[in-house]
Amino acid sequence: MSLEEVKSLVLALTPEDQLRLMDDISESLDTAYAAGELTDEQRAELDRRIAETDANPDSFLTLDEVKRRLSKYT
């Protein structure tokens, strides 16, 4: 299955299920990161994203804000 096919399936999920999936993926990445199972490129990308979040915290929504906004559609 291609990444585009997976993306289409994910976008077909309810917002609540998308959030659950996002949380599961995040936990999986945290575990892989801590266990040293990521490539140097993957680790560098995660480090870059963390640094971007830390440098621009107002550019991102909290999980509570995402849920609040999504609740308008369910």
N, C-alpha and C. Protein backbone atom coordinates (compact mmCIF):
# COMPACT_ATOMS: atom_id res chain seq x y z
N MET A 1 0.85 -1.17 0.00
CA MET A 1 0.00 0.00 0.00
C MET A 1 0.90 1.24 0.00
N SER A 2 0.56 2.19 -0.83
CA SER A 2 1.37 3.40 -0.94
C SER A 2 1.01 4.38 0.18
N LEU A 3 1.89 5.34 0.38
CA LEU A 3 1.64 6.37 1.37
C LEU A 3 0.38 7.16 1.03
N GLU A 4 0.16 7.43 -0.24
CA GLU A 4 -1.04 8.16 -0.66
C GLU A 4 -2.31 7.37 -0.34
N GLU A 5 -2.26 6.04 -0.51
CA GLU A 5 -3.42 5.22 -0.18
C GLU A 5 -3.69 5.24 1.33
N VAL A 6 -2.63 5.17 2.12
CA VAL A 6 -2.78 5.24 3.57
C VAL A 6 -3.35 6.60 3.96
N LYS A 7 -2.83 7.66 3.36
CA LYS A 7 -3.32 9.01 3.65
C LYS A 7 -4.81 9.12 3.35
N SER A 8 -5.25 8.58 2.24
CA SER A 8 -6.67 8.62 1.88
C SER A 8 -7.52 7.89 2.93
N LEU A 9 -7.02 6.76 3.40
CA LEU A 9 -7.74 6.01 4.42
C LEU A 9 -7.81 6.80 5.73
N VAL A 10 -6.71 7.42 6.10
CA VAL A 10 -6.67 8.21 7.33
C VAL A 10 -7.64 9.39 7.24
N LEU A 11 -7.65 10.06 6.12
CA LEU A 11 -8.53 11.21 5.96
C LEU A 11 -10.01 10.82 5.94
N ALA A 12 -10.30 9.56 5.67
CA ALA A 12 -11.67 9.07 5.70
C ALA A 12 -12.14 8.76 7.13
N LEU A 13 -11.22 8.70 8.07
CA LEU A 13 -11.57 8.44 9.46
C LEU A 13 -12.27 9.65 10.08
N THR A 14 -12.99 9.39 11.14
CA THR A 14 -13.59 10.50 11.89
C THR A 14 -12.47 11.31 12.53
N PRO A 15 -12.70 12.57 12.83
CA PRO A 15 -11.68 13.36 13.50
C PRO A 15 -11.20 12.71 14.81
N GLU A 16 -12.12 12.12 15.54
CA GLU A 16 -11.74 11.46 16.80
C GLU A 16 -10.77 10.30 16.54
N ASP A 17 -11.06 9.48 15.52
CA ASP A 17 -10.17 8.37 15.19
C ASP A 17 -8.83 8.87 14.64
N GLN A 18 -8.85 9.97 13.90
CA GLN A 18 -7.60 10.55 13.41
C GLN A 18 -6.73 10.98 14.59
N LEU A 19 -7.34 11.59 15.60
CA LEU A 19 -6.58 12.00 16.79
C LEU A 19 -6.01 10.79 17.52
N ARG A 20 -6.82 9.72 17.63
CA ARG A 20 -6.32 8.50 18.27
C ARG A 20 -5.13 7.93 17.50
N LEU A 21 -5.25 7.91 16.20
CA LEU A 21 -4.16 7.40 15.36
C LEU A 21 -2.92 8.28 15.50
N MET A 22 -3.12 9.58 15.50
CA MET A 22 -2.00 10.51 15.66
C MET A 22 -1.29 10.25 16.99
N ASP A 23 -2.07 10.03 18.04
CA ASP A 23 -1.50 9.75 19.35
C ASP A 23 -0.72 8.44 19.34
N ASP A 24 -1.28 7.41 18.70
CA ASP A 24 -0.59 6.12 18.61
C ASP A 24 0.72 6.24 17.84
N ILE A 25 0.70 6.99 16.75
CA ILE A 25 1.92 7.18 15.95
C ILE A 25 2.96 7.94 16.75
N SER A 26 2.52 8.97 17.47
CA SER A 26 3.44 9.75 18.30
C SER A 26 4.09 8.88 19.36
N GLU A 27 3.30 8.04 20.02
CA GLU A 27 3.85 7.15 21.03
C GLU A 27 4.84 6.17 20.41
N SER A 28 4.53 5.67 19.24
CA SER A 28 5.41 4.74 18.55
C SER A 28 6.75 5.40 18.21
N LEU A 29 6.69 6.65 17.74
CA LEU A 29 7.92 7.37 17.43
C LEU A 29 8.73 7.66 18.69
N ASP A 30 8.04 8.01 19.77
CA ASP A 30 8.74 8.23 21.04
C ASP A 30 9.49 6.99 21.47
N THR A 31 8.83 5.84 21.36
CA THR A 31 9.44 4.57 21.75
C THR A 31 10.63 4.24 20.85
N ALA A 32 10.44 4.41 19.54
CA ALA A 32 11.52 4.12 18.60
C ALA A 32 12.70 5.07 18.82
N TYR A 33 12.40 6.34 19.09
CA TYR A 33 13.44 7.34 19.33
C TYR A 33 14.25 6.96 20.57
N ALA A 34 13.56 6.63 21.64
CA ALA A 34 14.24 6.28 22.89
C ALA A 34 15.05 5.00 22.77
N ALA A 35 14.56 4.07 21.95
CA ALA A 35 15.25 2.79 21.78
C ALA A 35 16.37 2.85 20.75
N GLY A 36 16.53 4.00 20.13
CA GLY A 36 17.58 4.14 19.13
C GLY A 36 17.28 3.41 17.83
N GLU A 37 15.98 3.21 17.55
CA GLU A 37 15.59 2.46 16.36
C GLU A 37 15.41 3.34 15.12
N LEU A 38 15.65 4.62 15.26
CA LEU A 38 15.50 5.52 14.12
C LEU A 38 16.82 5.71 13.41
N THR A 39 16.73 5.99 12.11
CA THR A 39 17.94 6.32 11.37
C THR A 39 18.41 7.70 11.80
N ASP A 40 19.62 8.04 11.45
CA ASP A 40 20.14 9.37 11.75
C ASP A 40 19.28 10.45 11.10
N GLU A 41 18.82 10.19 9.88
CA GLU A 41 17.96 11.15 9.18
C GLU A 41 16.63 11.33 9.90
N GLN A 42 16.02 10.24 10.35
CA GLN A 42 14.75 10.33 11.07
C GLN A 42 14.93 11.08 12.39
N ARG A 43 15.99 10.76 13.09
CA ARG A 43 16.26 11.43 14.37
C ARG A 43 16.48 12.93 14.14
N ALA A 44 17.23 13.28 13.09
CA ALA A 44 17.48 14.69 12.77
C ALA A 44 16.18 15.41 12.43
N GLU A 45 15.29 14.75 11.70
CA GLU A 45 14.01 15.37 11.35
C GLU A 45 13.15 15.60 12.59
N LEU A 46 13.10 14.63 13.47
CA LEU A 46 12.34 14.81 14.71
C LEU A 46 12.95 15.92 15.56
N ASP A 47 14.27 15.95 15.65
CA ASP A 47 14.93 17.02 16.40
C ASP A 47 14.62 18.39 15.80
N ARG A 48 14.60 18.47 14.46
CA ARG A 48 14.29 19.73 13.78
C ARG A 48 12.86 20.17 14.10
N ARG A 49 11.94 19.22 14.08
CA ARG A 49 10.54 19.56 14.36
C ARG A 49 10.35 19.98 15.81
N ILE A 50 11.03 19.31 16.72
CA ILE A 50 10.95 19.69 18.13
C ILE A 50 11.51 21.09 18.32
N ALA A 51 12.65 21.38 17.69
CA ALA A 51 13.25 22.71 17.80
C ALA A 51 12.32 23.77 17.22
N GLU A 52 11.67 23.47 16.11
CA GLU A 52 10.73 24.41 15.50
C GLU A 52 9.56 24.69 16.44
N THR A 53 9.06 23.64 17.06
CA THR A 53 7.96 23.80 18.02
C THR A 53 8.40 24.64 19.21
N ASP A 54 9.59 24.36 19.73
CA ASP A 54 10.10 25.11 20.87
C ASP A 54 10.34 26.58 20.52
N ALA A 55 10.80 26.84 19.31
CA ALA A 55 11.11 28.21 18.89
C ALA A 55 9.85 29.02 18.57
N ASN A 56 8.79 28.34 18.17
CA ASN A 56 7.56 29.02 17.75
C ASN A 56 6.33 28.39 18.40
N PRO A 57 6.25 28.38 19.70
CA PRO A 57 5.13 27.68 20.35
C PRO A 57 3.76 28.24 20.00
N ASP A 58 3.69 29.51 19.66
CA ASP A 58 2.40 30.11 19.31
C ASP A 58 1.95 29.76 17.90
N SER A 59 2.80 29.10 17.14
CA SER A 59 2.46 28.71 15.78
C SER A 59 1.67 27.41 15.73
N PHE A 60 1.54 26.76 16.87
CA PHE A 60 0.93 25.44 16.91
C PHE A 60 -0.26 25.44 17.86
N LEU A 61 -1.20 24.55 17.60
CA LEU A 61 -2.35 24.39 18.46
C LEU A 61 -2.09 23.30 19.49
N THR A 62 -2.62 23.47 20.67
CA THR A 62 -2.55 22.41 21.66
C THR A 62 -3.53 21.31 21.25
N LEU A 63 -3.36 20.13 21.80
CA LEU A 63 -4.28 19.05 21.51
C LEU A 63 -5.70 19.42 21.95
N ASP A 64 -5.82 20.09 23.09
CA ASP A 64 -7.14 20.52 23.55
C ASP A 64 -7.80 21.47 22.57
N GLU A 65 -7.02 22.38 21.98
CA GLU A 65 -7.57 23.31 21.00
C GLU A 65 -7.99 22.58 19.73
N VAL A 66 -7.20 21.61 19.30
CA VAL A 66 -7.57 20.83 18.11
C VAL A 66 -8.88 20.10 18.38
N LYS A 67 -8.98 19.47 19.55
CA LYS A 67 -10.21 18.75 19.88
C LYS A 67 -11.40 19.70 19.95
N ARG A 68 -11.21 20.88 20.54
CA ARG A 68 -12.30 21.85 20.64
C ARG A 68 -12.78 22.26 19.25
N ARG A 69 -11.83 22.53 18.37
CA ARG A 69 -12.21 22.93 17.01
C ARG A 69 -12.90 21.80 16.24
N LEU A 70 -12.39 20.58 16.42
CA LEU A 70 -12.99 19.44 15.72
C LEU A 70 -14.37 19.10 16.26
N SER A 71 -14.60 19.38 17.52
CA SER A 71 -15.89 19.05 18.12
C SER A 71 -17.04 19.82 17.45
N LYS A 72 -16.73 20.89 16.80
CA LYS A 72 -17.76 21.66 16.08
C LYS A 72 -18.33 20.87 14.90
N TYR A 73 -17.57 19.89 14.42
CA TYR A 73 -17.96 19.15 13.22
C TYR A 73 -18.53 17.78 13.52
N THR A 74 -18.58 17.42 14.79
CA THR A 74 -19.10 16.08 15.12
C THR A 74 -20.39 16.17 15.87
